[in-house]
């Protein structure tokens, strides 16, 4: 299913609501750096490791691999390095990095909770 109707075919998990609320609360300040680091560098680094394991287990056509594919990026390593350097510069411009470090820890916890909840989710259609 594609288009606007697809969103209504999937439930929003409580952990996703908590994560979205945390990102919303971080808007307008340096705290978003933590979420950019956790989410996007996670996909560009660890997400690639997870994708390789999923390919071994389910094959290259497994639809859940879409989150780890970046067809518009020719050189993932260069992209990671540039992105990380940009985040580092943004962090260096902050007066106090401690709140961003604390937010990054919270973002990692939220990602873990979301991953656990997704892994445990049973679609009503599959029940």
PDB file of N, CA and C in Angstrom:
ATOM      1  N   UNK A   1       0.851  -1.174   0.000  1.00  0.00           N
ATOM      2  CA  UNK A   1       0.000   0.000   0.000  1.00  0.00           C
ATOM      3  C   UNK A   1       0.894   1.233   0.000  1.00  0.00           C
ATOM      4  N   UNK A   2       0.529   2.210  -0.796  1.00  0.00           N
ATOM      5  CA  UNK A   2       1.281   3.454  -0.865  1.00  0.00           C
ATOM      6  C   UNK A   2       0.319   4.626  -0.769  1.00  0.00           C
ATOM      7  N   UNK A   3       0.884   5.833  -0.728  1.00  0.00           N
ATOM      8  CA  UNK A   3       0.041   7.023  -0.665  1.00  0.00           C
ATOM      9  C   UNK A   3      -0.422   7.309   0.747  1.00  0.00           C
ATOM     10  N   UNK A   4      -1.320   8.264   0.900  1.00  0.00           N
ATOM     11  CA  UNK A   4      -1.750   8.693   2.235  1.00  0.00           C
ATOM     12  C   UNK A   4      -2.443   7.600   3.051  1.00  0.00           C
ATOM     13  N   UNK A   5      -3.035   6.622   2.400  1.00  0.00           N
ATOM     14  CA  UNK A   5      -3.781   5.602   3.137  1.00  0.00           C
ATOM     15  C   UNK A   5      -2.879   4.627   3.883  1.00  0.00           C
ATOM     16  N   UNK A   6      -1.600   4.521   3.515  1.00  0.00           N
ATOM     17  CA  UNK A   6      -0.747   3.512   4.144  1.00  0.00           C
ATOM     18  C   UNK A   6      -0.617   3.713   5.641  1.00  0.00           C
ATOM     19  N   UNK A   7      -0.573   4.971   6.083  1.00  0.00           N
ATOM     20  CA  UNK A   7      -0.353   5.254   7.508  1.00  0.00           C
ATOM     21  C   UNK A   7      -1.464   4.689   8.370  1.00  0.00           C
ATOM     22  N   UNK A   8      -2.619   4.560   7.831  1.00  0.00           N
ATOM     23  CA  UNK A   8      -3.735   4.056   8.628  1.00  0.00           C
ATOM     24  C   UNK A   8      -3.751   2.537   8.701  1.00  0.00           C
ATOM     25  N   UNK A   9      -2.874   1.888   7.972  1.00  0.00           N
ATOM     26  CA  UNK A   9      -2.836   0.437   8.016  1.00  0.00           C
ATOM     27  C   UNK A   9      -1.871  -0.085   9.083  1.00  0.00           C
ATOM     28  N   UNK A  10      -1.132   0.809   9.738  1.00  0.00           N
ATOM     29  CA  UNK A  10      -0.184   0.421  10.764  1.00  0.00           C
ATOM     30  C   UNK A  10      -0.492   1.168  12.057  1.00  0.00           C
ATOM     31  N   UNK A  11      -0.431   0.485  13.184  1.00  0.00           N
ATOM     32  CA  UNK A  11      -0.655   1.199  14.448  1.00  0.00           C
ATOM     33  C   UNK A  11       0.587   2.011  14.830  1.00  0.00           C
ATOM     34  N   UNK A  12       0.378   3.068  15.574  1.00  0.00           N
ATOM     35  CA  UNK A  12       1.497   3.811  16.142  1.00  0.00           C
ATOM     36  C   UNK A  12       1.754   3.208  17.513  1.00  0.00           C
ATOM     37  N   UNK A  13       2.926   2.655  17.681  1.00  0.00           N
ATOM     38  CA  UNK A  13       3.277   2.002  18.939  1.00  0.00           C
ATOM     39  C   UNK A  13       3.541   3.042  20.018  1.00  0.00           C
ATOM     40  N   UNK A  14       3.255   2.716  21.263  1.00  0.00           N
ATOM     41  CA  UNK A  14       3.499   3.681  22.351  1.00  0.00           C
ATOM     42  C   UNK A  14       4.935   4.185  22.406  1.00  0.00           C
ATOM     43  N   UNK A  15       5.896   3.323  22.126  1.00  0.00           N
ATOM     44  CA  UNK A  15       7.296   3.764  22.149  1.00  0.00           C
ATOM     45  C   UNK A  15       7.572   4.784  21.042  1.00  0.00           C
ATOM     46  N   UNK A  16       6.889   4.663  19.918  1.00  0.00           N
ATOM     47  CA  UNK A  16       7.044   5.640  18.836  1.00  0.00           C
ATOM     48  C   UNK A  16       6.446   6.978  19.243  1.00  0.00           C
ATOM     49  N   UNK A  17       5.318   6.944  19.932  1.00  0.00           N
ATOM     50  CA  UNK A  17       4.725   8.189  20.439  1.00  0.00           C
ATOM     51  C   UNK A  17       5.670   8.882  21.418  1.00  0.00           C
ATOM     52  N   UNK A  18       6.285   8.102  22.311  1.00  0.00           N
ATOM     53  CA  UNK A  18       7.223   8.691  23.285  1.00  0.00           C
ATOM     54  C   UNK A  18       8.432   9.300  22.571  1.00  0.00           C
ATOM     55  N   UNK A  19       8.915   8.591  21.569  1.00  0.00           N
ATOM     56  CA  UNK A  19      10.078   9.074  20.820  1.00  0.00           C
ATOM     57  C   UNK A  19       9.734  10.362  20.077  1.00  0.00           C
ATOM     58  N   UNK A  20       8.592  10.384  19.413  1.00  0.00           N
ATOM     59  CA  UNK A  20       8.171  11.589  18.680  1.00  0.00           C
ATOM     60  C   UNK A  20       7.979  12.765  19.630  1.00  0.00           C
ATOM     61  N   UNK A  21       7.420  12.509  20.801  1.00  0.00           N
ATOM     62  CA  UNK A  21       7.221  13.583  21.780  1.00  0.00           C
ATOM     63  C   UNK A  21       8.564  14.141  22.251  1.00  0.00           C
ATOM     64  N   UNK A  22       9.534  13.278  22.424  1.00  0.00           N
ATOM     65  CA  UNK A  22      10.854  13.721  22.872  1.00  0.00           C
ATOM     66  C   UNK A  22      11.529  14.581  21.800  1.00  0.00           C
ATOM     67  N   UNK A  23      11.402  14.181  20.543  1.00  0.00           N
ATOM     68  CA  UNK A  23      11.974  14.972  19.450  1.00  0.00           C
ATOM     69  C   UNK A  23      11.273  16.324  19.353  1.00  0.00           C
ATOM     70  N   UNK A  24       9.960  16.325  19.497  1.00  0.00           N
ATOM     71  CA  UNK A  24       9.202  17.582  19.458  1.00  0.00           C
ATOM     72  C   UNK A  24       9.668  18.514  20.568  1.00  0.00           C
ATOM     73  N   UNK A  25       9.887  17.969  21.747  1.00  0.00           N
ATOM     74  CA  UNK A  25      10.337  18.780  22.881  1.00  0.00           C
ATOM     75  C   UNK A  25      11.749  19.325  22.666  1.00  0.00           C
ATOM     76  N   UNK A  26      12.543  18.654  21.840  1.00  0.00           N
ATOM     77  CA  UNK A  26      13.928  19.073  21.603  1.00  0.00           C
ATOM     78  C   UNK A  26      14.050  20.146  20.533  1.00  0.00           C
ATOM     79  N   UNK A  27      12.967  20.488  19.873  1.00  0.00           N
ATOM     80  CA  UNK A  27      13.027  21.461  18.776  1.00  0.00           C
ATOM     81  C   UNK A  27      13.476  22.830  19.262  1.00  0.00           C
ATOM     82  N   UNK A  28      14.149  23.516  18.367  1.00  0.00           N
ATOM     83  CA  UNK A  28      14.536  24.889  18.641  1.00  0.00           C
ATOM     84  C   UNK A  28      15.823  25.036  19.412  1.00  0.00           C
ATOM     85  N   UNK A  29      16.553  23.964  19.585  1.00  0.00           N
ATOM     86  CA  UNK A  29      17.808  24.081  20.318  1.00  0.00           C
ATOM     87  C   UNK A  29      18.792  23.028  19.883  1.00  0.00           C
ATOM     88  N   UNK A  30      19.898  23.005  20.547  1.00  0.00           N
ATOM     89  CA  UNK A  30      20.959  22.074  20.218  1.00  0.00           C
ATOM     90  C   UNK A  30      20.634  20.630  20.520  1.00  0.00           C
ATOM     91  N   UNK A  31      19.549  20.401  21.265  1.00  0.00           N
ATOM     92  CA  UNK A  31      19.213  19.023  21.613  1.00  0.00           C
ATOM     93  C   UNK A  31      18.899  18.172  20.389  1.00  0.00           C
ATOM     94  N   UNK A  32      18.478  18.801  19.304  1.00  0.00           N
ATOM     95  CA  UNK A  32      18.200  18.025  18.088  1.00  0.00           C
ATOM     96  C   UNK A  32      19.467  17.375  17.535  1.00  0.00           C
ATOM     97  N   UNK A  33      20.626  17.922  17.866  1.00  0.00           N
ATOM     98  CA  UNK A  33      21.886  17.321  17.438  1.00  0.00           C
ATOM     99  C   UNK A  33      21.942  15.872  17.917  1.00  0.00           C
ATOM    100  N   UNK A  34      21.497  15.636  19.136  1.00  0.00           N
ATOM    101  CA  UNK A  34      21.523  14.287  19.701  1.00  0.00           C
ATOM    102  C   UNK A  34      20.656  13.340  18.886  1.00  0.00           C
ATOM    103  N   UNK A  35      19.504  13.803  18.466  1.00  0.00           N
ATOM    104  CA  UNK A  35      18.601  12.942  17.702  1.00  0.00           C
ATOM    105  C   UNK A  35      19.111  12.722  16.287  1.00  0.00           C
ATOM    106  N   UNK A  36      19.721  13.733  15.701  1.00  0.00           N
ATOM    107  CA  UNK A  36      20.320  13.571  14.372  1.00  0.00           C
ATOM    108  C   UNK A  36      21.449  12.551  14.426  1.00  0.00           C
ATOM    109  N   UNK A  37      22.249  12.647  15.449  1.00  0.00           N
ATOM    110  CA  UNK A  37      23.355  11.708  15.623  1.00  0.00           C
ATOM    111  C   UNK A  37      22.826  10.288  15.787  1.00  0.00           C
ATOM    112  N   UNK A  38      21.895  10.127  16.709  1.00  0.00           N
ATOM    113  CA  UNK A  38      21.383   8.801  17.029  1.00  0.00           C
ATOM    114  C   UNK A  38      20.640   8.178  15.857  1.00  0.00           C
ATOM    115  N   UNK A  39      19.765   8.925  15.257  1.00  0.00           N
ATOM    116  CA  UNK A  39      18.909   8.379  14.203  1.00  0.00           C
ATOM    117  C   UNK A  39      19.671   8.154  12.898  1.00  0.00           C
ATOM    118  N   UNK A  40      20.299   9.186  12.384  1.00  0.00           N
ATOM    119  CA  UNK A  40      20.868   9.078  11.042  1.00  0.00           C
ATOM    120  C   UNK A  40      22.224   8.388  11.027  1.00  0.00           C
ATOM    121  N   UNK A  41      23.096   8.691  11.977  1.00  0.00           N
ATOM    122  CA  UNK A  41      24.350   7.944  12.011  1.00  0.00           C
ATOM    123  C   UNK A  41      24.081   6.495  12.398  1.00  0.00           C
ATOM    124  N   UNK A  42      23.032   6.278  13.174  1.00  0.00           N
ATOM    125  CA  UNK A  42      22.635   4.904  13.483  1.00  0.00           C
ATOM    126  C   UNK A  42      22.277   4.140  12.228  1.00  0.00           C
ATOM    127  N   UNK A  43      21.497   4.753  11.357  1.00  0.00           N
ATOM    128  CA  UNK A  43      21.117   4.104  10.102  1.00  0.00           C
ATOM    129  C   UNK A  43      22.316   3.923   9.179  1.00  0.00           C
ATOM    130  N   UNK A  44      23.195   4.915   9.145  1.00  0.00           N
ATOM    131  CA  UNK A  44      24.343   4.852   8.244  1.00  0.00           C
ATOM    132  C   UNK A  44      25.438   3.928   8.760  1.00  0.00           C
ATOM    133  N   UNK A  45      25.459   3.657  10.061  1.00  0.00           N
ATOM    134  CA  UNK A  45      26.483   2.771  10.639  1.00  0.00           C
ATOM    135  C   UNK A  45      25.861   1.439  11.028  1.00  0.00           C
ATOM    136  N   UNK A  46      25.277   1.399  12.196  1.00  0.00           N
ATOM    137  CA  UNK A  46      24.705   0.163  12.714  1.00  0.00           C
ATOM    138  C   UNK A  46      23.598  -0.398  11.840  1.00  0.00           C
ATOM    139  N   UNK A  47      22.845   0.481  11.204  1.00  0.00           N
ATOM    140  CA  UNK A  47      21.775   0.020  10.322  1.00  0.00           C
ATOM    141  C   UNK A  47      22.307  -0.814   9.179  1.00  0.00           C
ATOM    142  N   UNK A  48      23.511  -0.532   8.749  1.00  0.00           N
ATOM    143  CA  UNK A  48      24.122  -1.318   7.684  1.00  0.00           C
ATOM    144  C   UNK A  48      24.488  -2.715   8.181  1.00  0.00           C
ATOM    145  N   UNK A  49      24.931  -2.804   9.430  1.00  0.00           N
ATOM    146  CA  UNK A  49      25.234  -4.114  10.017  1.00  0.00           C
ATOM    147  C   UNK A  49      23.962  -4.941  10.166  1.00  0.00           C
ATOM    148  N   UNK A  50      22.919  -4.309  10.667  1.00  0.00           N
ATOM    149  CA  UNK A  50      21.634  -4.994  10.825  1.00  0.00           C
ATOM    150  C   UNK A  50      21.123  -5.450   9.463  1.00  0.00           C
ATOM    151  N   UNK A  51      21.242  -4.603   8.467  1.00  0.00           N
ATOM    152  CA  UNK A  51      20.765  -4.947   7.119  1.00  0.00           C
ATOM    153  C   UNK A  51      21.479  -6.184   6.588  1.00  0.00           C
ATOM    154  N   UNK A  52      22.785  -6.274   6.799  1.00  0.00           N
ATOM    155  CA  UNK A  52      23.527  -7.451   6.321  1.00  0.00           C
ATOM    156  C   UNK A  52      23.021  -8.722   6.990  1.00  0.00           C
ATOM    157  N   UNK A  53      22.717  -8.642   8.282  1.00  0.00           N
ATOM    158  CA  UNK A  53      22.182  -9.815   8.992  1.00  0.00           C
ATOM    159  C   UNK A  53      20.795 -10.186   8.480  1.00  0.00           C
ATOM    160  N   UNK A  54      19.973  -9.181   8.218  1.00  0.00           N
ATOM    161  CA  UNK A  54      18.633  -9.448   7.700  1.00  0.00           C
ATOM    162  C   UNK A  54      18.687 -10.073   6.312  1.00  0.00           C
ATOM    163  N   UNK A  55      19.628  -9.625   5.488  1.00  0.00           N
ATOM    164  CA  UNK A  55      19.789 -10.213   4.155  1.00  0.00           C
ATOM    165  C   UNK A  55      20.164 -11.685   4.277  1.00  0.00           C
ATOM    166  N   UNK A  56      21.074 -11.990   5.191  1.00  0.00           N
ATOM    167  CA  UNK A  56      21.474 -13.397   5.381  1.00  0.00           C
ATOM    168  C   UNK A  56      20.281 -14.242   5.831  1.00  0.00           C
ATOM    169  N   UNK A  57      19.446 -13.683   6.696  1.00  0.00           N
ATOM    170  CA  UNK A  57      18.334 -14.465   7.251  1.00  0.00           C
ATOM    171  C   UNK A  57      17.135 -14.523   6.311  1.00  0.00           C
ATOM    172  N   UNK A  58      16.777 -13.393   5.669  1.00  0.00           N
ATOM    173  CA  UNK A  58      15.528 -13.325   4.907  1.00  0.00           C
ATOM    174  C   UNK A  58      15.717 -13.142   3.407  1.00  0.00           C
ATOM    175  N   UNK A  59      16.925 -12.860   2.964  1.00  0.00           N
ATOM    176  CA  UNK A  59      17.169 -12.654   1.538  1.00  0.00           C
ATOM    177  C   UNK A  59      17.143 -11.174   1.174  1.00  0.00           C
ATOM    178  N   UNK A  60      17.702 -10.835   0.019  1.00  0.00           N
ATOM    179  CA  UNK A  60      17.848  -9.428  -0.372  1.00  0.00           C
ATOM    180  C   UNK A  60      16.531  -8.727  -0.698  1.00  0.00           C
ATOM    181  N   UNK A  61      15.459  -9.466  -0.919  1.00  0.00           N
ATOM    182  CA  UNK A  61      14.176  -8.846  -1.242  1.00  0.00           C
ATOM    183  C   UNK A  61      13.343  -8.490  -0.031  1.00  0.00           C
ATOM    184  N   UNK A  62      13.856  -8.716   1.173  1.00  0.00           N
ATOM    185  CA  UNK A  62      13.108  -8.444   2.408  1.00  0.00           C
ATOM    186  C   UNK A  62      12.766  -6.962   2.478  1.00  0.00           C
ATOM    187  N   UNK A  63      11.466  -6.658   2.529  1.00  0.00           N
ATOM    188  CA  UNK A  63      10.992  -5.274   2.416  1.00  0.00           C
ATOM    189  C   UNK A  63      11.457  -4.378   3.558  1.00  0.00           C
ATOM    190  N   UNK A  64      11.685  -4.915   4.726  1.00  0.00           N
ATOM    191  CA  UNK A  64      12.096  -4.091   5.865  1.00  0.00           C
ATOM    192  C   UNK A  64      13.494  -3.519   5.697  1.00  0.00           C
ATOM    193  N   UNK A  65      14.203  -3.929   4.665  1.00  0.00           N
ATOM    194  CA  UNK A  65      15.547  -3.397   4.428  1.00  0.00           C
ATOM    195  C   UNK A  65      15.543  -2.001   3.844  1.00  0.00           C
ATOM    196  N   UNK A  66      14.400  -1.506   3.444  1.00  0.00           N
ATOM    197  CA  UNK A  66      14.330  -0.193   2.794  1.00  0.00           C
ATOM    198  C   UNK A  66      14.913   0.912   3.670  1.00  0.00           C
ATOM    199  N   UNK A  67      14.786   0.797   4.990  1.00  0.00           N
ATOM    200  CA  UNK A  67      15.305   1.848   5.883  1.00  0.00           C
ATOM    201  C   UNK A  67      16.816   1.950   5.828  1.00  0.00           C
ATOM    202  N   UNK A  68      17.465   0.905   5.372  1.00  0.00           N
ATOM    203  CA  UNK A  68      18.927   0.898   5.383  1.00  0.00           C
ATOM    204  C   UNK A  68      19.534   1.124   4.004  1.00  0.00           C
ATOM    205  N   UNK A  69      18.706   1.395   3.036  1.00  0.00           N
ATOM    206  CA  UNK A  69      19.199   1.621   1.679  1.00  0.00           C
ATOM    207  C   UNK A  69      19.152   3.109   1.354  1.00  0.00           C
ATOM    208  N   UNK A  70      20.224   3.593   0.799  1.00  0.00           N
ATOM    209  CA  UNK A  70      20.340   5.000   0.454  1.00  0.00           C
ATOM    210  C   UNK A  70      20.818   5.101  -0.992  1.00  0.00           C
ATOM    211  N   UNK A  71      19.934   4.828  -1.943  1.00  0.00           N
ATOM    212  CA  UNK A  71      20.364   4.760  -3.339  1.00  0.00           C
ATOM    213  C   UNK A  71      20.891   6.084  -3.889  1.00  0.00           C
ATOM    214  N   UNK A  72      20.516   7.200  -3.312  1.00  0.00           N
ATOM    215  CA  UNK A  72      20.985   8.497  -3.816  1.00  0.00           C
ATOM    216  C   UNK A  72      22.381   8.845  -3.306  1.00  0.00           C
ATOM    217  N   UNK A  73      22.880   8.080  -2.349  1.00  0.00           N
ATOM    218  CA  UNK A  73      24.212   8.341  -1.794  1.00  0.00           C
ATOM    219  C   UNK A  73      25.196   7.367  -2.430  1.00  0.00           C
ATOM    220  N   UNK A  74      26.117   7.902  -3.209  1.00  0.00           N
ATOM    221  CA  UNK A  74      27.072   7.052  -3.917  1.00  0.00           C
ATOM    222  C   UNK A  74      28.144   6.480  -2.991  1.00  0.00           C
ATOM    223  N   UNK A  75      28.569   7.251  -2.001  1.00  0.00           N
ATOM    224  CA  UNK A  75      29.662   6.836  -1.124  1.00  0.00           C
ATOM    225  C   UNK A  75      29.203   6.989   0.326  1.00  0.00           C
ATOM    226  N   UNK A  76      28.712   5.897   0.911  1.00  0.00           N
ATOM    227  CA  UNK A  76      28.198   5.960   2.291  1.00  0.00           C
ATOM    228  C   UNK A  76      29.277   6.353   3.291  1.00  0.00           C
ATOM    229  N   UNK A  77      30.482   5.859   3.102  1.00  0.00           N
ATOM    230  CA  UNK A  77      31.566   6.188   4.041  1.00  0.00           C
ATOM    231  C   UNK A  77      31.844   7.689   4.033  1.00  0.00           C
ATOM    232  N   UNK A  78      31.907   8.291   2.868  1.00  0.00           N
ATOM    233  CA  UNK A  78      32.146   9.733   2.770  1.00  0.00           C
ATOM    234  C   UNK A  78      30.969  10.505   3.351  1.00  0.00           C
ATOM    235  N   UNK A  79      29.769  10.041   3.093  1.00  0.00           N
ATOM    236  CA  UNK A  79      28.586  10.697   3.642  1.00  0.00           C
ATOM    237  C   UNK A  79      28.610  10.659   5.169  1.00  0.00           C
ATOM    238  N   UNK A  80      28.922   9.477   5.734  1.00  0.00           N
ATOM    239  CA  UNK A  80      29.013   9.353   7.197  1.00  0.00           C
ATOM    240  C   UNK A  80      30.032  10.322   7.759  1.00  0.00           C
ATOM    241  N   UNK A  81      31.200  10.383   7.133  1.00  0.00           N
ATOM    242  CA  UNK A  81      32.269  11.251   7.630  1.00  0.00           C
ATOM    243  C   UNK A  81      31.862  12.722   7.573  1.00  0.00           C
ATOM    244  N   UNK A  82      31.261  13.132   6.478  1.00  0.00           N
ATOM    245  CA  UNK A  82      30.828  14.524   6.332  1.00  0.00           C
ATOM    246  C   UNK A  82      29.731  14.852   7.330  1.00  0.00           C
ATOM    247  N   UNK A  83      28.779  13.946   7.473  1.00  0.00           N
ATOM    248  CA  UNK A  83      27.665  14.165   8.399  1.00  0.00           C
ATOM    249  C   UNK A  83      28.172  14.255   9.836  1.00  0.00           C
ATOM    250  N   UNK A  84      29.051  13.318  10.207  1.00  0.00           N
ATOM    251  CA  UNK A  84      29.609  13.336  11.561  1.00  0.00           C
ATOM    252  C   UNK A  84      30.385  14.620  11.822  1.00  0.00           C
ATOM    253  N   UNK A  85      31.174  15.060  10.855  1.00  0.00           N
ATOM    254  CA  UNK A  85      31.940  16.298  11.016  1.00  0.00           C
ATOM    255  C   UNK A  85      31.002  17.493  11.175  1.00  0.00           C
ATOM    256  N   UNK A  86      29.911  17.499  10.446  1.00  0.00           N
ATOM    257  CA  UNK A  86      28.927  18.586  10.573  1.00  0.00           C
ATOM    258  C   UNK A  86      28.297  18.594  11.958  1.00  0.00           C
ATOM    259  N   UNK A  87      27.957  17.417  12.462  1.00  0.00           N
ATOM    260  CA  UNK A  87      27.391  17.344  13.816  1.00  0.00           C
ATOM    261  C   UNK A  87      28.419  17.766  14.861  1.00  0.00           C
ATOM    262  N   UNK A  88      29.655  17.364  14.661  1.00  0.00           N
ATOM    263  CA  UNK A  88      30.717  17.769  15.589  1.00  0.00           C
ATOM    264  C   UNK A  88      30.854  19.288  15.628  1.00  0.00           C
ATOM    265  N   UNK A  89      30.838  19.927  14.449  1.00  0.00           N
ATOM    266  CA  UNK A  89      30.940  21.393  14.406  1.00  0.00           C
ATOM    267  C   UNK A  89      29.747  22.040  15.114  1.00  0.00           C
ATOM    268  N   UNK A  90      28.563  21.495  14.897  1.00  0.00           N
ATOM    269  CA  UNK A  90      27.378  22.038  15.565  1.00  0.00           C
ATOM    270  C   UNK A  90      27.506  21.893  17.076  1.00  0.00           C
ATOM    271  N   UNK A  91      28.015  20.766  17.522  1.00  0.00           N
ATOM    272  CA  UNK A  91      28.212  20.551  18.955  1.00  0.00           C
ATOM    273  C   UNK A  91      29.253  21.483  19.550  1.00  0.00           C
ATOM    274  N   UNK A  92      30.308  21.736  18.793  1.00  0.00           N
ATOM    275  CA  UNK A  92      31.363  22.638  19.274  1.00  0.00           C
ATOM    276  C   UNK A  92      30.863  24.072  19.416  1.00  0.00           C
ATOM    277  N   UNK A  93      29.820  24.413  18.678  1.00  0.00           N
ATOM    278  CA  UNK A  93      29.273  25.771  18.747  1.00  0.00           C
ATOM    279  C   UNK A  93      28.369  25.980  19.964  1.00  0.00           C
ATOM    280  N   UNK A  94      28.058  24.915  20.676  1.00  0.00           N
ATOM    281  CA  UNK A  94      27.189  25.028  21.853  1.00  0.00           C
ATOM    282  C   UNK A  94      27.960  25.583  23.045  1.00  0.00           C
ATOM    283  N   UNK A  95      27.268  26.317  23.876  1.00  0.00           N
ATOM    284  CA  UNK A  95      27.877  26.798  25.118  1.00  0.00           C
ATOM    285  C   UNK A  95      28.080  25.659  26.112  1.00  0.00           C
ATOM    286  N   UNK A  96      27.149  24.715  26.129  1.00  0.00           N
ATOM    287  CA  UNK A  96      27.193  23.606  27.081  1.00  0.00           C
ATOM    288  C   UNK A  96      26.747  22.340  26.362  1.00  0.00           C
ATOM    289  N   UNK A  97      27.649  21.388  26.208  1.00  0.00           N
ATOM    290  CA  UNK A  97      27.343  20.143  25.494  1.00  0.00           C
ATOM    291  C   UNK A  97      26.662  19.110  26.383  1.00  0.00           C
ATOM    292  N   UNK A  98      26.705  19.283  27.686  1.00  0.00           N
ATOM    293  CA  UNK A  98      26.161  18.271  28.594  1.00  0.00           C
ATOM    294  C   UNK A  98      24.688  17.948  28.329  1.00  0.00           C
ATOM    295  N   UNK A  99      23.811  18.935  28.117  1.00  0.00           N
ATOM    296  CA  UNK A  99      22.414  18.589  27.817  1.00  0.00           C
ATOM    297  C   UNK A  99      22.271  17.764  26.530  1.00  0.00           C
ATOM    298  N   UNK A 100      23.121  17.998  25.551  1.00  0.00           N
ATOM    299  CA  UNK A 100      23.060  17.225  24.299  1.00  0.00           C
ATOM    300  C   UNK A 100      23.520  15.794  24.553  1.00  0.00           C
ATOM    301  N   UNK A 101      24.527  15.639  25.374  1.00  0.00           N
ATOM    302  CA  UNK A 101      24.994  14.295  25.721  1.00  0.00           C
ATOM    303  C   UNK A 101      23.893  13.537  26.459  1.00  0.00           C
ATOM    304  N   UNK A 102      23.225  14.197  27.390  1.00  0.00           N
ATOM    305  CA  UNK A 102      22.114  13.566  28.106  1.00  0.00           C
ATOM    306  C   UNK A 102      20.967  13.231  27.155  1.00  0.00           C
ATOM    307  N   UNK A 103      20.703  14.119  26.197  1.00  0.00           N
ATOM    308  CA  UNK A 103      19.636  13.868  25.225  1.00  0.00           C
ATOM    309  C   UNK A 103      20.000  12.698  24.316  1.00  0.00           C
ATOM    310  N   UNK A 104      21.283  12.571  23.970  1.00  0.00           N
ATOM    311  CA  UNK A 104      21.715  11.440  23.147  1.00  0.00           C
ATOM    312  C   UNK A 104      21.498  10.122  23.886  1.00  0.00           C
ATOM    313  N   UNK A 105      21.806  10.110  25.179  1.00  0.00           N
ATOM    314  CA  UNK A 105      21.561   8.902  25.976  1.00  0.00           C
ATOM    315  C   UNK A 105      20.069   8.562  25.984  1.00  0.00           C
ATOM    316  N   UNK A 106      19.225   9.585  26.142  1.00  0.00           N
ATOM    317  CA  UNK A 106      17.775   9.361  26.121  1.00  0.00           C
ATOM    318  C   UNK A 106      17.329   8.867  24.741  1.00  0.00           C
ATOM    319  N   UNK A 107      17.901   9.436  23.684  1.00  0.00           N
ATOM    320  CA  UNK A 107      17.545   9.025  22.324  1.00  0.00           C
ATOM    321  C   UNK A 107      17.923   7.563  22.078  1.00  0.00           C
ATOM    322  N   UNK A 108      19.087   7.143  22.555  1.00  0.00           N
ATOM    323  CA  UNK A 108      19.485   5.736  22.418  1.00  0.00           C
ATOM    324  C   UNK A 108      18.486   4.834  23.148  1.00  0.00           C
ATOM    325  N   UNK A 109      18.109   5.225  24.357  1.00  0.00           N
ATOM    326  CA  UNK A 109      17.129   4.433  25.113  1.00  0.00           C
ATOM    327  C   UNK A 109      15.795   4.359  24.384  1.00  0.00           C
ATOM    328  N   UNK A 110      15.362   5.466  23.805  1.00  0.00           N
ATOM    329  CA  UNK A 110      14.109   5.479  23.056  1.00  0.00           C
ATOM    330  C   UNK A 110      14.204   4.588  21.819  1.00  0.00           C
ATOM    331  N   UNK A 111      15.336   4.602  21.145  1.00  0.00           N
ATOM    332  CA  UNK A 111      15.545   3.727  19.993  1.00  0.00           C
ATOM    333  C   UNK A 111      15.509   2.260  20.399  1.00  0.00           C
ATOM    334  N   UNK A 112      16.130   1.938  21.510  1.00  0.00           N
ATOM    335  CA  UNK A 112      16.131   0.559  22.003  1.00  0.00           C
ATOM    336  C   UNK A 112      14.709   0.123  22.329  1.00  0.00           C
ATOM    337  N   UNK A 113      13.978   0.981  23.041  1.00  0.00           N
ATOM    338  CA  UNK A 113      12.597   0.648  23.406  1.00  0.00           C
ATOM    339  C   UNK A 113      11.730   0.448  22.165  1.00  0.00           C
ATOM    340  N   UNK A 114      11.928   1.291  21.168  1.00  0.00           N
ATOM    341  CA  UNK A 114      11.167   1.161  19.927  1.00  0.00           C
ATOM    342  C   UNK A 114      11.522  -0.142  19.220  1.00  0.00           C
ATOM    343  N   UNK A 115      12.794  -0.475  19.151  1.00  0.00           N
ATOM    344  CA  UNK A 115      13.223  -1.717  18.506  1.00  0.00           C
ATOM    345  C   UNK A 115      12.629  -2.934  19.206  1.00  0.00           C
ATOM    346  N   UNK A 116      12.621  -2.910  20.522  1.00  0.00           N
ATOM    347  CA  UNK A 116      12.054  -4.028  21.285  1.00  0.00           C
ATOM    348  C   UNK A 116      10.560  -4.148  21.024  1.00  0.00           C
ATOM    349  N   UNK A 117       9.874  -3.015  21.015  1.00  0.00           N
ATOM    350  CA  UNK A 117       8.432  -3.047  20.802  1.00  0.00           C
ATOM    351  C   UNK A 117       8.082  -3.491  19.380  1.00  0.00           C
ATOM    352  N   UNK A 118       8.846  -3.039  18.401  1.00  0.00           N
ATOM    353  CA  UNK A 118       8.606  -3.468  17.016  1.00  0.00           C
ATOM    354  C   UNK A 118       8.842  -4.973  16.894  1.00  0.00           C
ATOM    355  N   UNK A 119       9.929  -5.455  17.509  1.00  0.00           N
ATOM    356  CA  UNK A 119      10.235  -6.888  17.430  1.00  0.00           C
ATOM    357  C   UNK A 119       9.140  -7.738  18.075  1.00  0.00           C
ATOM    358  N   UNK A 120       8.517  -7.210  19.122  1.00  0.00           N
ATOM    359  CA  UNK A 120       7.482  -7.961  19.835  1.00  0.00           C
ATOM    360  C   UNK A 120       6.096  -7.790  19.232  1.00  0.00           C
ATOM    361  N   UNK A 121       5.947  -6.830  18.324  1.00  0.00           N
ATOM    362  CA  UNK A 121       4.628  -6.515  17.767  1.00  0.00           C
ATOM    363  C   UNK A 121       4.095  -7.669  16.934  1.00  0.00           C
ATOM    364  N   UNK A 122       2.854  -7.974  17.152  1.00  0.00           N
ATOM    365  CA  UNK A 122       2.141  -8.964  16.364  1.00  0.00           C
ATOM    366  C   UNK A 122       1.014  -8.261  15.658  1.00  0.00           C
ATOM    367  N   UNK A 123       1.054  -8.265  14.360  1.00  0.00           N
ATOM    368  CA  UNK A 123      -0.004  -7.624  13.576  1.00  0.00           C
ATOM    369  C   UNK A 123      -1.333  -8.275  13.865  1.00  0.00           C
ATOM    370  N   UNK A 124      -2.395  -7.469  14.019  1.00  0.00           N
ATOM    371  CA  UNK A 124      -3.724  -8.057  14.210  1.00  0.00           C
ATOM    372  C   UNK A 124      -4.090  -8.997  13.052  1.00  0.00           C
ATOM    373  N   UNK A 125      -3.583  -8.706  11.867  1.00  0.00           N
ATOM    374  CA  UNK A 125      -3.874  -9.561  10.710  1.00  0.00           C
ATOM    375  C   UNK A 125      -3.200 -10.912  10.838  1.00  0.00           C
ATOM    376  N   UNK A 126      -2.079 -10.950  11.583  1.00  0.00           N
ATOM    377  CA  UNK A 126      -1.337 -12.209  11.739  1.00  0.00           C
ATOM    378  C   UNK A 126      -1.861 -13.012  12.912  1.00  0.00           C
ATOM    379  N   UNK A 127      -2.675 -12.406  13.748  1.00  0.00           N
ATOM    380  CA  UNK A 127      -3.152 -13.100  14.963  1.00  0.00           C
ATOM    381  C   UNK A 127      -4.201 -14.131  14.641  1.00  0.00           C
TER     382      UNK A 127
END
